[in-house]
Amino acid sequence: MNKFNEKLTEYVDYAEKSLKEYNFLTAETEPQKNLIEAMNYSLSAGGKRIRPVLVMAFCEAMGADYKKAKAPACAIEMIHTFSLIHDDLPAMDDDDLRRGKPSCHKAFGEAMAILAGDALSVLPFEIIADDTELSPEQKIKIISALAKATGKSGMIGGQVIDMENEQRNDVDKENLRNMYRNKTGQLIAVSCVMGCICAGADEEIINLSAEYGYKLGLAFQIIDDILDVTASTEEIGKPAGSDKEENKTTFVTLYGVEKAQEIADKITAEALECLEKTGNNSFLAELTERLLQRKN
């Protein structure tokens, strides 16, 4: 195993271990057992854990122990998981599979899936507020950044644009970039920002890290667009070809696969330029390249 893979495994293993430590099922919560099982079902379904990895990697790159970022690293994965639970609902994307398993609403019913997503949308702020590693000032900055990245002007706002675009036939590249910046880029950018805050980085570095995250998020989403038409359901763990079925405008529908890949390459190069200005961390640079080249 090379140095990059060792570090990636270390981060992912710590994220998995930490998420399990926030196990919610106790004697006191027995009446909510079904809710908690639905939360754990989706939270433990796997995935690349990219967002918590970014939180920890930026924290360490800025000179701090990455374990100091435990709470925000787990928090961002909970927020991401809540968004996936709700995205899969019949009223939204109506997907039966998530990460190769039945979606939460297929396993637990629609009402319980809605409530599991709701619970995972607020729990992150509790675990950050209760964390013993971060200062009160750091907690306030992290909670504020995470709330903004999640809410009406962030990920949820991006989902609204995405849904409304399904009813339009005039979606252009500016609209699409704006939607991706919010729906995907905000949570990736705030992951980088929270890691920097945990390490006490200055505002210039925080802003550069955010811009890196936005560019990484855009490239990541373009690759998702490409995989939706080039990969199988088994490879990507959710129904392939769903974008076309849902009448979604994507970078592939606007530009075709080859041109979309060229755009993703260019944006990844811009992300790497931002990264260099923060200190040119070799792990983060390789992670950026690997996300561009991923096949699922």
C-alpha atoms as a PDB file:
ATOM      1  CA  MET A   1       0.000   0.000   0.000  1.00  0.00           C
ATOM      2  CA  ASN A   2       1.492   3.360  -1.018  1.00  0.00           C
ATOM      3  CA  LYS A   3       1.665   6.406   1.244  1.00  0.00           C
ATOM      4  CA  PHE A   4      -1.468   7.995  -0.207  1.00  0.00           C
ATOM      5  CA  ASN A   5      -3.574   4.863   0.232  1.00  0.00           C
ATOM      6  CA  GLU A   6      -2.301   4.437   3.785  1.00  0.00           C
ATOM      7  CA  LYS A   7      -3.317   7.968   4.710  1.00  0.00           C
ATOM      8  CA  LEU A   8      -6.690   7.676   2.954  1.00  0.00           C
ATOM      9  CA  THR A   9      -7.396   4.428   4.803  1.00  0.00           C
ATOM     10  CA  GLU A  10      -6.381   6.075   8.074  1.00  0.00           C
ATOM     11  CA  TYR A  11      -8.798   8.956   7.534  1.00  0.00           C
ATOM     12  CA  VAL A  12     -11.677   6.735   6.400  1.00  0.00           C
ATOM     13  CA  ASP A  13     -11.181   4.260   9.232  1.00  0.00           C
ATOM     14  CA  TYR A  14     -11.189   7.090  11.773  1.00  0.00           C
ATOM     15  CA  ALA A  15     -14.345   8.553  10.241  1.00  0.00           C
ATOM     16  CA  GLU A  16     -16.093   5.166  10.378  1.00  0.00           C
ATOM     17  CA  LYS A  17     -14.982   4.581  13.969  1.00  0.00           C
ATOM     18  CA  SER A  18     -16.089   8.056  15.021  1.00  0.00           C
ATOM     19  CA  LEU A  19     -19.496   7.746  13.351  1.00  0.00           C
ATOM     20  CA  LYS A  20     -20.067   4.517  15.277  1.00  0.00           C
ATOM     21  CA  GLU A  21     -19.178   6.308  18.513  1.00  0.00           C
ATOM     22  CA  TYR A  22     -22.151   8.571  17.889  1.00  0.00           C
ATOM     23  CA  ASN A  23     -24.362   5.479  18.108  1.00  0.00           C
ATOM     24  CA  PHE A  24     -27.756   6.797  19.026  1.00  0.00           C
ATOM     25  CA  LEU A  25     -29.525   3.664  20.294  1.00  0.00           C
ATOM     26  CA  THR A  26     -29.639   3.549  24.092  1.00  0.00           C
ATOM     27  CA  ALA A  27     -32.179   2.454  26.677  1.00  0.00           C
ATOM     28  CA  GLU A  28     -33.447   6.033  26.830  1.00  0.00           C
ATOM     29  CA  THR A  29     -34.071   6.114  23.078  1.00  0.00           C
ATOM     30  CA  GLU A  30     -35.780   2.721  22.793  1.00  0.00           C
ATOM     31  CA  PRO A  31     -39.153   4.324  21.872  1.00  0.00           C
ATOM     32  CA  GLN A  32     -37.399   5.843  18.833  1.00  0.00           C
ATOM     33  CA  LYS A  33     -35.721   2.558  17.854  1.00  0.00           C
ATOM     34  CA  ASN A  34     -37.131   2.450  14.311  1.00  0.00           C
ATOM     35  CA  LEU A  35     -36.052   6.022  13.651  1.00  0.00           C
ATOM     36  CA  ILE A  36     -32.544   5.378  14.917  1.00  0.00           C
ATOM     37  CA  GLU A  37     -32.242   2.172  12.902  1.00  0.00           C
ATOM     38  CA  ALA A  38     -33.220   4.108   9.769  1.00  0.00           C
ATOM     39  CA  MET A  39     -30.605   6.780  10.566  1.00  0.00           C
ATOM     40  CA  ASN A  40     -27.903   4.178  11.136  1.00  0.00           C
ATOM     41  CA  TYR A  41     -28.951   2.214   8.044  1.00  0.00           C
ATOM     42  CA  SER A  42     -28.246   5.148   5.758  1.00  0.00           C
ATOM     43  CA  LEU A  43     -25.264   6.491   7.682  1.00  0.00           C
ATOM     44  CA  SER A  44     -23.514   3.109   7.609  1.00  0.00           C
ATOM     45  CA  ALA A  45     -24.315   2.332   3.969  1.00  0.00           C
ATOM     46  CA  GLY A  46     -20.750   3.062   2.900  1.00  0.00           C
ATOM     47  CA  GLY A  47     -19.624   5.571   0.324  1.00  0.00           C
ATOM     48  CA  LYS A  48     -16.265   7.213  -0.213  1.00  0.00           C
ATOM     49  CA  ARG A  49     -16.478   9.489   2.870  1.00  0.00           C
ATOM     50  CA  ILE A  50     -14.933  12.242   0.744  1.00  0.00           C
ATOM     51  CA  ARG A  51     -16.298  15.093   2.830  1.00  0.00           C
ATOM     52  CA  PRO A  52     -15.027  13.885   6.230  1.00  0.00           C
ATOM     53  CA  VAL A  53     -11.711  13.029   4.593  1.00  0.00           C
ATOM     54  CA  LEU A  54     -11.446  16.615   3.332  1.00  0.00           C
ATOM     55  CA  VAL A  55     -12.213  17.986   6.811  1.00  0.00           C
ATOM     56  CA  MET A  56      -9.469  15.884   8.390  1.00  0.00           C
ATOM     57  CA  ALA A  57      -6.965  16.340   5.562  1.00  0.00           C
ATOM     58  CA  PHE A  58      -7.248  20.145   5.630  1.00  0.00           C
ATOM     59  CA  CYS A  59      -6.995  20.164   9.409  1.00  0.00           C
ATOM     60  CA  GLU A  60      -3.786  18.140   9.243  1.00  0.00           C
ATOM     61  CA  ALA A  61      -2.440  20.083   6.258  1.00  0.00           C
ATOM     62  CA  MET A  62      -2.782  23.275   8.329  1.00  0.00           C
ATOM     63  CA  GLY A  63      -0.629  21.813  11.080  1.00  0.00           C
ATOM     64  CA  ALA A  64      -3.105  20.331  13.581  1.00  0.00           C
ATOM     65  CA  ASP A  65      -3.923  16.781  14.657  1.00  0.00           C
ATOM     66  CA  TYR A  66      -6.670  15.622  12.304  1.00  0.00           C
ATOM     67  CA  LYS A  67      -8.490  13.971  15.209  1.00  0.00           C
ATOM     68  CA  LYS A  68      -9.322  17.451  16.472  1.00  0.00           C
ATOM     69  CA  ALA A  69     -11.729  17.622  13.524  1.00  0.00           C
ATOM     70  CA  LYS A  70     -13.711  14.549  14.592  1.00  0.00           C
ATOM     71  CA  ALA A  71     -17.028  16.320  15.256  1.00  0.00           C
ATOM     72  CA  PRO A  72     -17.203  18.406  12.044  1.00  0.00           C
ATOM     73  CA  ALA A  73     -15.958  15.437   9.987  1.00  0.00           C
ATOM     74  CA  CYS A  74     -18.838  13.309  11.260  1.00  0.00           C
ATOM     75  CA  ALA A  75     -21.250  16.239  11.053  1.00  0.00           C
ATOM     76  CA  ILE A  76     -20.677  16.772   7.341  1.00  0.00           C
ATOM     77  CA  GLU A  77     -21.263  13.087   6.619  1.00  0.00           C
ATOM     78  CA  MET A  78     -24.555  13.247   8.533  1.00  0.00           C
ATOM     79  CA  ILE A  79     -25.653  16.291   6.531  1.00  0.00           C
ATOM     80  CA  HIS A  80     -24.668  14.582   3.285  1.00  0.00           C
ATOM     81  CA  THR A  81     -26.544  11.419   4.297  1.00  0.00           C
ATOM     82  CA  PHE A  82     -29.690  13.369   5.180  1.00  0.00           C
ATOM     83  CA  SER A  83     -29.602  14.977   1.734  1.00  0.00           C
ATOM     84  CA  LEU A  84     -29.316  11.566   0.041  1.00  0.00           C
ATOM     85  CA  ILE A  85     -32.230  10.125   2.032  1.00  0.00           C
ATOM     86  CA  HIS A  86     -34.455  13.013   0.970  1.00  0.00           C
ATOM     87  CA  ASP A  87     -33.151  13.084  -2.621  1.00  0.00           C
ATOM     88  CA  ASP A  88     -34.177   9.448  -3.084  1.00  0.00           C
ATOM     89  CA  LEU A  89     -37.788  10.017  -1.994  1.00  0.00           C
ATOM     90  CA  PRO A  90     -40.597   9.608  -4.566  1.00  0.00           C
ATOM     91  CA  ALA A  91     -41.346  13.340  -4.369  1.00  0.00           C
ATOM     92  CA  MET A  92     -37.747  14.113  -5.352  1.00  0.00           C
ATOM     93  CA  ASP A  93     -35.575  11.803  -7.512  1.00  0.00           C
ATOM     94  CA  ASP A  94     -37.594   8.631  -6.747  1.00  0.00           C
ATOM     95  CA  ASP A  95     -34.550   6.312  -6.645  1.00  0.00           C
ATOM     96  CA  ASP A  96     -34.914   2.791  -5.254  1.00  0.00           C
ATOM     97  CA  LEU A  97     -31.177   2.186  -4.816  1.00  0.00           C
ATOM     98  CA  ARG A  98     -28.482   4.040  -2.913  1.00  0.00           C
ATOM     99  CA  ARG A  99     -24.915   2.708  -2.700  1.00  0.00           C
ATOM    100  CA  GLY A 100     -26.108  -0.654  -3.976  1.00  0.00           C
ATOM    101  CA  LYS A 101     -28.742  -1.070  -1.246  1.00  0.00           C
ATOM    102  CA  PRO A 102     -32.463  -0.270  -1.105  1.00  0.00           C
ATOM    103  CA  SER A 103     -32.970   3.434  -0.445  1.00  0.00           C
ATOM    104  CA  CYS A 104     -34.011   4.388   3.073  1.00  0.00           C
ATOM    105  CA  HIS A 105     -37.654   4.864   2.093  1.00  0.00           C
ATOM    106  CA  LYS A 106     -37.683   1.418   0.475  1.00  0.00           C
ATOM    107  CA  ALA A 107     -36.269  -0.191   3.614  1.00  0.00           C
ATOM    108  CA  PHE A 108     -38.222   1.779   6.243  1.00  0.00           C
ATOM    109  CA  GLY A 109     -41.107   3.508   4.473  1.00  0.00           C
ATOM    110  CA  GLU A 110     -41.436   7.095   3.298  1.00  0.00           C
ATOM    111  CA  ALA A 111     -42.504   8.651   6.601  1.00  0.00           C
ATOM    112  CA  MET A 112     -39.632   7.111   8.545  1.00  0.00           C
ATOM    113  CA  ALA A 113     -37.160   8.084   5.827  1.00  0.00           C
ATOM    114  CA  ILE A 114     -38.309  11.706   6.007  1.00  0.00           C
ATOM    115  CA  LEU A 115     -37.914  11.690   9.786  1.00  0.00           C
ATOM    116  CA  ALA A 116     -34.506   9.961   9.618  1.00  0.00           C
ATOM    117  CA  GLY A 117     -33.329  12.664   7.224  1.00  0.00           C
ATOM    118  CA  ASP A 118     -34.755  15.352   9.474  1.00  0.00           C
ATOM    119  CA  ALA A 119     -32.941  13.915  12.498  1.00  0.00           C
ATOM    120  CA  LEU A 120     -29.646  13.706  10.613  1.00  0.00           C
ATOM    121  CA  SER A 121     -30.030  17.339   9.537  1.00  0.00           C
ATOM    122  CA  VAL A 122     -29.974  18.649  13.120  1.00  0.00           C
ATOM    123  CA  LEU A 123     -27.768  16.134  14.942  1.00  0.00           C
ATOM    124  CA  PRO A 124     -24.574  17.619  13.384  1.00  0.00           C
ATOM    125  CA  PHE A 125     -25.065  20.906  15.205  1.00  0.00           C
ATOM    126  CA  GLU A 126     -25.530  19.078  18.512  1.00  0.00           C
ATOM    127  CA  ILE A 127     -22.302  17.093  18.192  1.00  0.00           C
ATOM    128  CA  ILE A 128     -20.304  20.181  17.205  1.00  0.00           C
ATOM    129  CA  ALA A 129     -21.741  22.224  20.077  1.00  0.00           C
ATOM    130  CA  ASP A 130     -20.971  19.425  22.566  1.00  0.00           C
ATOM    131  CA  ASP A 131     -17.449  18.711  21.265  1.00  0.00           C
ATOM    132  CA  THR A 132     -14.624  19.016  23.809  1.00  0.00           C
ATOM    133  CA  GLU A 133     -11.751  19.537  21.332  1.00  0.00           C
ATOM    134  CA  LEU A 134     -12.872  22.823  19.802  1.00  0.00           C
ATOM    135  CA  SER A 135     -12.967  26.272  21.361  1.00  0.00           C
ATOM    136  CA  PRO A 136     -16.283  28.159  21.634  1.00  0.00           C
ATOM    137  CA  GLU A 137     -15.092  30.523  18.885  1.00  0.00           C
ATOM    138  CA  GLN A 138     -14.264  27.622  16.566  1.00  0.00           C
ATOM    139  CA  LYS A 139     -17.641  26.002  17.234  1.00  0.00           C
ATOM    140  CA  ILE A 140     -19.500  29.199  16.361  1.00  0.00           C
ATOM    141  CA  LYS A 141     -17.565  29.634  13.094  1.00  0.00           C
ATOM    142  CA  ILE A 142     -18.065  25.984  12.128  1.00  0.00           C
ATOM    143  CA  ILE A 143     -21.779  25.922  12.970  1.00  0.00           C
ATOM    144  CA  SER A 144     -22.345  29.156  11.032  1.00  0.00           C
ATOM    145  CA  ALA A 145     -20.423  27.923   7.976  1.00  0.00           C
ATOM    146  CA  LEU A 146     -22.164  24.533   8.000  1.00  0.00           C
ATOM    147  CA  ALA A 147     -25.646  26.043   8.370  1.00  0.00           C
ATOM    148  CA  LYS A 148     -25.057  28.433   5.453  1.00  0.00           C
ATOM    149  CA  ALA A 149     -23.656  25.656   3.266  1.00  0.00           C
ATOM    150  CA  THR A 150     -26.666  23.460   3.992  1.00  0.00           C
ATOM    151  CA  GLY A 151     -29.600  25.884   3.850  1.00  0.00           C
ATOM    152  CA  LYS A 152     -31.559  27.983   1.378  1.00  0.00           C
ATOM    153  CA  SER A 153     -28.455  29.506  -0.221  1.00  0.00           C
ATOM    154  CA  GLY A 154     -26.507  26.259  -0.077  1.00  0.00           C
ATOM    155  CA  MET A 155     -27.153  22.595  -0.728  1.00  0.00           C
ATOM    156  CA  ILE A 156     -30.928  22.755  -0.198  1.00  0.00           C
ATOM    157  CA  GLY A 157     -31.180  25.814  -2.444  1.00  0.00           C
ATOM    158  CA  GLY A 158     -29.226  23.939  -5.101  1.00  0.00           C
ATOM    159  CA  GLN A 159     -31.670  21.049  -4.880  1.00  0.00           C
ATOM    160  CA  VAL A 160     -34.530  23.485  -5.484  1.00  0.00           C
ATOM    161  CA  ILE A 161     -32.832  24.764  -8.646  1.00  0.00           C
ATOM    162  CA  ASP A 162     -32.247  21.165  -9.742  1.00  0.00           C
ATOM    163  CA  MET A 163     -35.920  20.259  -9.314  1.00  0.00           C
ATOM    164  CA  GLU A 164     -37.159  23.373 -11.099  1.00  0.00           C
ATOM    165  CA  ASN A 165     -34.740  22.770 -13.979  1.00  0.00           C
ATOM    166  CA  GLU A 166     -36.510  19.475 -14.717  1.00  0.00           C
ATOM    167  CA  GLN A 167     -39.511  21.521 -15.895  1.00  0.00           C
ATOM    168  CA  ARG A 168     -37.400  23.709 -18.200  1.00  0.00           C
ATOM    169  CA  ASN A 169     -35.841  23.244 -21.615  1.00  0.00           C
ATOM    170  CA  ASP A 170     -33.738  26.415 -21.532  1.00  0.00           C
ATOM    171  CA  VAL A 171     -31.165  25.510 -18.844  1.00  0.00           C
ATOM    172  CA  ASP A 172     -27.796  26.997 -19.843  1.00  0.00           C
ATOM    173  CA  LYS A 173     -24.259  26.568 -18.553  1.00  0.00           C
ATOM    174  CA  GLU A 174     -24.474  29.495 -16.108  1.00  0.00           C
ATOM    175  CA  ASN A 175     -27.611  28.076 -14.518  1.00  0.00           C
ATOM    176  CA  LEU A 176     -26.059  24.608 -14.352  1.00  0.00           C
ATOM    177  CA  ARG A 177     -22.817  25.845 -12.789  1.00  0.00           C
ATOM    178  CA  ASN A 178     -24.770  27.821 -10.203  1.00  0.00           C
ATOM    179  CA  MET A 179     -26.891  24.780  -9.346  1.00  0.00           C
ATOM    180  CA  TYR A 180     -23.832  22.532  -9.000  1.00  0.00           C
ATOM    181  CA  ARG A 181     -21.991  25.136  -6.923  1.00  0.00           C
ATOM    182  CA  ASN A 182     -24.832  25.057  -4.415  1.00  0.00           C
ATOM    183  CA  LYS A 183     -26.072  21.463  -4.565  1.00  0.00           C
ATOM    184  CA  THR A 184     -22.650  19.785  -4.591  1.00  0.00           C
ATOM    185  CA  GLY A 185     -19.974  22.433  -4.154  1.00  0.00           C
ATOM    186  CA  GLN A 186     -21.218  23.976  -0.918  1.00  0.00           C
ATOM    187  CA  LEU A 187     -20.804  20.836   1.216  1.00  0.00           C
ATOM    188  CA  ILE A 188     -17.416  20.048  -0.311  1.00  0.00           C
ATOM    189  CA  ALA A 189     -16.216  23.632   0.165  1.00  0.00           C
ATOM    190  CA  VAL A 190     -17.409  23.801   3.768  1.00  0.00           C
ATOM    191  CA  SER A 191     -15.619  20.516   4.481  1.00  0.00           C
ATOM    192  CA  CYS A 192     -12.343  22.213   3.538  1.00  0.00           C
ATOM    193  CA  VAL A 193     -13.277  25.345   5.486  1.00  0.00           C
ATOM    194  CA  MET A 194     -14.172  23.447   8.661  1.00  0.00           C
ATOM    195  CA  GLY A 195     -10.863  21.588   8.578  1.00  0.00           C
ATOM    196  CA  CYS A 196      -9.026  24.909   8.343  1.00  0.00           C
ATOM    197  CA  ILE A 197     -11.036  26.390  11.220  1.00  0.00           C
ATOM    198  CA  CYS A 198     -10.205  23.375  13.394  1.00  0.00           C
ATOM    199  CA  ALA A 199      -6.518  24.078  12.785  1.00  0.00           C
ATOM    200  CA  GLY A 200      -6.784  27.834  13.400  1.00  0.00           C
ATOM    201  CA  ALA A 201      -5.916  28.839   9.827  1.00  0.00           C
ATOM    202  CA  ASP A 202      -6.194  32.506   8.801  1.00  0.00           C
ATOM    203  CA  GLU A 203      -8.958  33.955   6.620  1.00  0.00           C
ATOM    204  CA  GLU A 204      -6.850  34.037   3.455  1.00  0.00           C
ATOM    205  CA  ILE A 205      -6.184  30.305   3.680  1.00  0.00           C
ATOM    206  CA  ILE A 206      -9.812  29.599   4.563  1.00  0.00           C
ATOM    207  CA  ASN A 207     -10.992  31.520   1.487  1.00  0.00           C
ATOM    208  CA  LEU A 208      -8.509  29.750  -0.793  1.00  0.00           C
ATOM    209  CA  SER A 209      -9.579  26.396   0.625  1.00  0.00           C
ATOM    210  CA  ALA A 210     -13.233  27.259  -0.008  1.00  0.00           C
ATOM    211  CA  GLU A 211     -12.508  28.179  -3.626  1.00  0.00           C
ATOM    212  CA  TYR A 212     -10.620  24.900  -4.049  1.00  0.00           C
ATOM    213  CA  GLY A 213     -13.653  23.084  -2.635  1.00  0.00           C
ATOM    214  CA  TYR A 214     -16.092  24.796  -4.992  1.00  0.00           C
ATOM    215  CA  LYS A 215     -13.984  23.855  -7.998  1.00  0.00           C
ATOM    216  CA  LEU A 216     -13.508  20.304  -6.756  1.00  0.00           C
ATOM    217  CA  GLY A 217     -17.275  20.032  -6.239  1.00  0.00           C
ATOM    218  CA  LEU A 218     -18.019  21.217  -9.771  1.00  0.00           C
ATOM    219  CA  ALA A 219     -15.536  18.781 -11.301  1.00  0.00           C
ATOM    220  CA  PHE A 220     -16.935  16.002  -9.084  1.00  0.00           C
ATOM    221  CA  GLN A 221     -20.483  16.662 -10.292  1.00  0.00           C
ATOM    222  CA  ILE A 222     -19.434  16.762 -13.950  1.00  0.00           C
ATOM    223  CA  ILE A 223     -17.804  13.349 -13.524  1.00  0.00           C
ATOM    224  CA  ASP A 224     -21.084  12.151 -11.955  1.00  0.00           C
ATOM    225  CA  ASP A 225     -22.875  13.373 -15.091  1.00  0.00           C
ATOM    226  CA  ILE A 226     -20.465  11.393 -17.247  1.00  0.00           C
ATOM    227  CA  LEU A 227     -20.749   8.237 -15.140  1.00  0.00           C
ATOM    228  CA  ASP A 228     -24.536   8.395 -15.331  1.00  0.00           C
ATOM    229  CA  VAL A 229     -24.296   7.628 -19.049  1.00  0.00           C
ATOM    230  CA  THR A 230     -21.080   5.567 -19.179  1.00  0.00           C
ATOM    231  CA  ALA A 231     -21.214   3.356 -16.064  1.00  0.00           C
ATOM    232  CA  SER A 232     -23.591   0.591 -14.987  1.00  0.00           C
ATOM    233  CA  THR A 233     -25.990   0.573 -12.060  1.00  0.00           C
ATOM    234  CA  GLU A 234     -23.716  -1.946 -10.332  1.00  0.00           C
ATOM    235  CA  GLU A 235     -20.674   0.301 -10.738  1.00  0.00           C
ATOM    236  CA  ILE A 236     -22.232   3.492  -9.405  1.00  0.00           C
ATOM    237  CA  GLY A 237     -24.541   1.903  -6.804  1.00  0.00           C
ATOM    238  CA  LYS A 238     -27.657   3.749  -7.988  1.00  0.00           C
ATOM    239  CA  PRO A 239     -29.800   3.578 -11.130  1.00  0.00           C
ATOM    240  CA  ALA A 240     -27.716   4.459 -14.185  1.00  0.00           C
ATOM    241  CA  GLY A 241     -29.317   6.717 -16.780  1.00  0.00           C
ATOM    242  CA  SER A 242     -31.559   8.378 -14.199  1.00  0.00           C
ATOM    243  CA  ASP A 243     -30.629  11.895 -15.352  1.00  0.00           C
ATOM    244  CA  LYS A 244     -32.137  11.279 -18.790  1.00  0.00           C
ATOM    245  CA  GLU A 245     -35.244   9.658 -17.335  1.00  0.00           C
ATOM    246  CA  GLU A 246     -35.808  12.670 -15.081  1.00  0.00           C
ATOM    247  CA  ASN A 247     -35.284  15.136 -17.957  1.00  0.00           C
ATOM    248  CA  LYS A 248     -32.247  16.665 -16.270  1.00  0.00           C
ATOM    249  CA  THR A 249     -29.929  19.015 -18.107  1.00  0.00           C
ATOM    250  CA  THR A 250     -26.341  18.047 -17.323  1.00  0.00           C
ATOM    251  CA  PHE A 251     -22.904  18.853 -18.654  1.00  0.00           C
ATOM    252  CA  VAL A 252     -23.217  15.750 -20.827  1.00  0.00           C
ATOM    253  CA  THR A 253     -26.513  16.876 -22.368  1.00  0.00           C
ATOM    254  CA  LEU A 254     -25.063  20.350 -22.995  1.00  0.00           C
ATOM    255  CA  TYR A 255     -21.611  19.356 -24.243  1.00  0.00           C
ATOM    256  CA  GLY A 256     -21.403  15.594 -24.778  1.00  0.00           C
ATOM    257  CA  VAL A 257     -19.157  13.189 -22.869  1.00  0.00           C
ATOM    258  CA  GLU A 258     -15.829  14.177 -24.437  1.00  0.00           C
ATOM    259  CA  LYS A 259     -16.251  17.935 -23.982  1.00  0.00           C
ATOM    260  CA  ALA A 260     -17.651  17.455 -20.462  1.00  0.00           C
ATOM    261  CA  GLN A 261     -14.506  15.513 -19.572  1.00  0.00           C
ATOM    262  CA  GLU A 262     -12.333  18.330 -20.948  1.00  0.00           C
ATOM    263  CA  ILE A 263     -14.208  20.835 -18.772  1.00  0.00           C
ATOM    264  CA  ALA A 264     -13.778  18.614 -15.700  1.00  0.00           C
ATOM    265  CA  ASP A 265     -10.049  18.367 -16.452  1.00  0.00           C
ATOM    266  CA  LYS A 266      -9.747  22.164 -16.699  1.00  0.00           C
ATOM    267  CA  ILE A 267     -11.665  22.826 -13.488  1.00  0.00           C
ATOM    268  CA  THR A 268      -9.587  20.224 -11.640  1.00  0.00           C
ATOM    269  CA  ALA A 269      -6.428  22.014 -12.777  1.00  0.00           C
ATOM    270  CA  GLU A 270      -7.865  25.271 -11.389  1.00  0.00           C
ATOM    271  CA  ALA A 271      -8.630  23.519  -8.089  1.00  0.00           C
ATOM    272  CA  LEU A 272      -5.029  22.314  -7.893  1.00  0.00           C
ATOM    273  CA  GLU A 273      -3.806  25.889  -8.437  1.00  0.00           C
ATOM    274  CA  CYS A 274      -5.863  27.021  -5.427  1.00  0.00           C
ATOM    275  CA  LEU A 275      -4.496  24.126  -3.417  1.00  0.00           C
ATOM    276  CA  GLU A 276      -0.905  25.071  -4.218  1.00  0.00           C
ATOM    277  CA  LYS A 277      -1.489  28.505  -2.690  1.00  0.00           C
ATOM    278  CA  THR A 278      -2.557  26.908   0.597  1.00  0.00           C
ATOM    279  CA  GLY A 279       0.673  24.906   0.889  1.00  0.00           C
ATOM    280  CA  ASN A 280       0.501  22.309  -1.892  1.00  0.00           C
ATOM    281  CA  ASN A 281      -0.388  19.327   0.300  1.00  0.00           C
ATOM    282  CA  SER A 282       0.594  16.167  -1.601  1.00  0.00           C
ATOM    283  CA  PHE A 283      -2.209  14.014  -0.175  1.00  0.00           C
ATOM    284  CA  LEU A 284      -4.891  16.526  -1.177  1.00  0.00           C
ATOM    285  CA  ALA A 285      -3.334  16.965  -4.616  1.00  0.00           C
ATOM    286  CA  GLU A 286      -3.447  13.220  -5.284  1.00  0.00           C
ATOM    287  CA  LEU A 287      -6.979  12.960  -3.893  1.00  0.00           C
ATOM    288  CA  THR A 288      -8.056  15.695  -6.319  1.00  0.00           C
ATOM    289  CA  GLU A 289      -6.582  13.815  -9.273  1.00  0.00           C
ATOM    290  CA  ARG A 290      -8.127  10.511  -8.213  1.00  0.00           C
ATOM    291  CA  LEU A 291     -11.593  12.011  -7.894  1.00  0.00           C
ATOM    292  CA  LEU A 292     -11.283  13.250 -11.479  1.00  0.00           C
ATOM    293  CA  GLN A 293     -10.290   9.775 -12.665  1.00  0.00           C
ATOM    294  CA  ARG A 294     -12.828   7.762 -10.636  1.00  0.00           C
ATOM    295  CA  LYS A 295     -15.053   5.182 -12.314  1.00  0.00           C
ATOM    296  CA  ASN A 296     -17.872   5.057  -9.757  1.00  0.00           C
END
